[in-house]
Amino acid sequence: MSVAPNRPALGTVAYFGLALTAGTYFTFAAVQGDYGLFRRIQTNAERERLAAELATLEAEVARMENLTRRLSDQYLDLDLLDQRAREVLGLIRPDEIVIR
């Protein structure tokens, strides 16, 4: 009474089944997990978007600092002062005609 040679042992089948299950799980986790490939791509895209937004905001801050400096006590730009007075206060010169 011997075991048939064509039939694999139950332990071997269980071992390979467990290895296949673990490999599938770790592959899935590497692709779609919290630290997986898809999350990394999403994080990189968000980083690039935020870098572009930062560059835009830095340019806006530089523009506002320039305007602030041009209206400061140390340096007064009369053209800018005239423009701001027209926009904010609605002032016009006596020799101008306003068309509405």
C-alpha atoms as a PDB file:
ATOM      1  CA  MET A   1       0.000   0.000   0.000  1.00  0.00           C
ATOM      2  CA  SER A   2       1.799   2.982  -1.260  1.00  0.00           C
ATOM      3  CA  VAL A   3       0.713   6.475  -2.205  1.00  0.00           C
ATOM      4  CA  ALA A   4       0.125   7.076  -5.893  1.00  0.00           C
ATOM      5  CA  PRO A   5       3.079   9.020  -7.371  1.00  0.00           C
ATOM      6  CA  ASN A   6       0.863  11.196  -9.617  1.00  0.00           C
ATOM      7  CA  ARG A   7      -0.998  12.797  -6.749  1.00  0.00           C
ATOM      8  CA  PRO A   8       0.823  15.668  -4.910  1.00  0.00           C
ATOM      9  CA  ALA A   9       0.863  15.713  -1.149  1.00  0.00           C
ATOM     10  CA  LEU A  10      -1.742  17.867   0.603  1.00  0.00           C
ATOM     11  CA  GLY A  11       0.953  19.923   2.395  1.00  0.00           C
ATOM     12  CA  THR A  12       2.567  20.905  -0.905  1.00  0.00           C
ATOM     13  CA  VAL A  13      -0.739  22.067  -2.366  1.00  0.00           C
ATOM     14  CA  ALA A  14      -1.503  24.057   0.794  1.00  0.00           C
ATOM     15  CA  TYR A  15       1.981  25.617   0.761  1.00  0.00           C
ATOM     16  CA  PHE A  16       1.708  26.765  -2.870  1.00  0.00           C
ATOM     17  CA  GLY A  17      -1.866  27.959  -2.330  1.00  0.00           C
ATOM     18  CA  LEU A  18      -0.764  30.024   0.673  1.00  0.00           C
ATOM     19  CA  ALA A  19       2.224  31.410  -1.262  1.00  0.00           C
ATOM     20  CA  LEU A  20      -0.024  32.338  -4.202  1.00  0.00           C
ATOM     21  CA  THR A  21      -2.530  34.044  -1.885  1.00  0.00           C
ATOM     22  CA  ALA A  22       0.210  35.994  -0.080  1.00  0.00           C
ATOM     23  CA  GLY A  23       1.811  37.011  -3.374  1.00  0.00           C
ATOM     24  CA  THR A  24      -1.532  38.193  -4.741  1.00  0.00           C
ATOM     25  CA  TYR A  25      -2.239  40.191  -1.595  1.00  0.00           C
ATOM     26  CA  PHE A  26       1.148  41.896  -1.547  1.00  0.00           C
ATOM     27  CA  THR A  27       0.932  42.684  -5.269  1.00  0.00           C
ATOM     28  CA  PHE A  28      -2.501  44.236  -4.767  1.00  0.00           C
ATOM     29  CA  ALA A  29      -1.230  46.231  -1.774  1.00  0.00           C
ATOM     30  CA  ALA A  30       1.802  47.434  -3.748  1.00  0.00           C
ATOM     31  CA  VAL A  31      -0.422  48.758  -6.518  1.00  0.00           C
ATOM     32  CA  GLN A  32      -3.526  50.065  -4.728  1.00  0.00           C
ATOM     33  CA  GLY A  33      -2.582  50.324  -1.058  1.00  0.00           C
ATOM     34  CA  ASP A  34      -2.070  53.482   1.013  1.00  0.00           C
ATOM     35  CA  TYR A  35       1.575  53.602  -0.084  1.00  0.00           C
ATOM     36  CA  GLY A  36       1.030  51.923  -3.443  1.00  0.00           C
ATOM     37  CA  LEU A  37       1.777  52.886  -7.003  1.00  0.00           C
ATOM     38  CA  PHE A  38      -1.564  54.606  -7.666  1.00  0.00           C
ATOM     39  CA  ARG A  39      -1.281  56.666  -4.478  1.00  0.00           C
ATOM     40  CA  ARG A  40       2.241  57.731  -5.466  1.00  0.00           C
ATOM     41  CA  ILE A  41       1.045  58.880  -8.899  1.00  0.00           C
ATOM     42  CA  GLN A  42      -1.809  60.795  -7.275  1.00  0.00           C
ATOM     43  CA  THR A  43       0.568  62.404  -4.757  1.00  0.00           C
ATOM     44  CA  ASN A  44       2.995  63.460  -7.511  1.00  0.00           C
ATOM     45  CA  ALA A  45       0.173  65.018  -9.536  1.00  0.00           C
ATOM     46  CA  GLU A  46      -1.064  66.897  -6.476  1.00  0.00           C
ATOM     47  CA  ARG A  47       2.492  68.078  -5.729  1.00  0.00           C
ATOM     48  CA  GLU A  48       2.853  69.458  -9.263  1.00  0.00           C
ATOM     49  CA  ARG A  49      -0.523  71.199  -9.023  1.00  0.00           C
ATOM     50  CA  LEU A  50       0.409  72.753  -5.678  1.00  0.00           C
ATOM     51  CA  ALA A  51       3.819  73.842  -7.019  1.00  0.00           C
ATOM     52  CA  ALA A  52       2.097  75.629  -9.900  1.00  0.00           C
ATOM     53  CA  GLU A  53      -0.342  77.260  -7.472  1.00  0.00           C
ATOM     54  CA  LEU A  54       2.584  78.318  -5.256  1.00  0.00           C
ATOM     55  CA  ALA A  55       4.350  79.924  -8.221  1.00  0.00           C
ATOM     56  CA  THR A  56       1.160  81.818  -9.085  1.00  0.00           C
ATOM     57  CA  LEU A  57       0.725  83.010  -5.504  1.00  0.00           C
ATOM     58  CA  GLU A  58       4.380  84.051  -5.238  1.00  0.00           C
ATOM     59  CA  ALA A  59       3.997  86.125  -8.418  1.00  0.00           C
ATOM     60  CA  GLU A  60       0.870  87.742  -6.973  1.00  0.00           C
ATOM     61  CA  VAL A  61       2.678  88.513  -3.707  1.00  0.00           C
ATOM     62  CA  ALA A  62       5.594  90.043  -5.634  1.00  0.00           C
ATOM     63  CA  ARG A  63       3.170  92.200  -7.632  1.00  0.00           C
ATOM     64  CA  MET A  64       1.390  93.360  -4.467  1.00  0.00           C
ATOM     65  CA  GLU A  65       4.720  94.101  -2.740  1.00  0.00           C
ATOM     66  CA  ASN A  66       5.751  96.174  -5.758  1.00  0.00           C
ATOM     67  CA  LEU A  67       2.506  98.156  -5.639  1.00  0.00           C
ATOM     68  CA  THR A  68       2.848  98.644  -1.890  1.00  0.00           C
ATOM     69  CA  ARG A  69       6.416  99.864  -2.257  1.00  0.00           C
ATOM     70  CA  ARG A  70       5.386 102.262  -5.045  1.00  0.00           C
ATOM     71  CA  LEU A  71       2.747 103.815  -2.760  1.00  0.00           C
ATOM     72  CA  SER A  72       4.964 103.981   0.343  1.00  0.00           C
ATOM     73  CA  ASP A  73       6.290 107.144   2.001  1.00  0.00           C
ATOM     74  CA  GLN A  74       9.846 106.507   0.797  1.00  0.00           C
ATOM     75  CA  TYR A  75       8.882 106.166  -2.877  1.00  0.00           C
ATOM     76  CA  LEU A  76       5.688 107.617  -4.301  1.00  0.00           C
ATOM     77  CA  ASP A  77       4.633 106.812  -7.846  1.00  0.00           C
ATOM     78  CA  LEU A  78       2.271 109.617  -8.866  1.00  0.00           C
ATOM     79  CA  ASP A  79       0.869 107.708 -11.836  1.00  0.00           C
ATOM     80  CA  LEU A  80      -0.054 104.783  -9.613  1.00  0.00           C
ATOM     81  CA  LEU A  81      -1.529 107.136  -7.028  1.00  0.00           C
ATOM     82  CA  ASP A  82      -3.633 108.788  -9.751  1.00  0.00           C
ATOM     83  CA  GLN A  83      -4.802 105.392 -11.043  1.00  0.00           C
ATOM     84  CA  ARG A  84      -5.784 104.158  -7.571  1.00  0.00           C
ATOM     85  CA  ALA A  85      -7.634 107.408  -6.791  1.00  0.00           C
ATOM     86  CA  ARG A  86      -9.622 107.036  -9.994  1.00  0.00           C
ATOM     87  CA  GLU A  87     -10.485 103.383  -9.323  1.00  0.00           C
ATOM     88  CA  VAL A  88     -11.230 103.537  -5.611  1.00  0.00           C
ATOM     89  CA  LEU A  89     -12.621 107.026  -5.135  1.00  0.00           C
ATOM     90  CA  GLY A  90     -14.030 107.597  -8.609  1.00  0.00           C
ATOM     91  CA  LEU A  91     -12.147 110.868  -9.037  1.00  0.00           C
ATOM     92  CA  ILE A  92     -11.742 112.629 -12.378  1.00  0.00           C
ATOM     93  CA  ARG A  93      -9.841 115.714 -13.498  1.00  0.00           C
ATOM     94  CA  PRO A  94     -11.743 118.941 -14.216  1.00  0.00           C
ATOM     95  CA  ASP A  95     -10.762 118.870 -17.887  1.00  0.00           C
ATOM     96  CA  GLU A  96     -11.996 115.307 -18.540  1.00  0.00           C
ATOM     97  CA  ILE A  97     -15.321 114.244 -20.008  1.00  0.00           C
ATOM     98  CA  VAL A  98     -16.995 111.143 -18.582  1.00  0.00           C
ATOM     99  CA  ILE A  99     -19.047 109.010 -20.957  1.00  0.00           C
ATOM    100  CA  ARG A 100     -21.363 106.436 -19.410  1.00  0.00           C
END
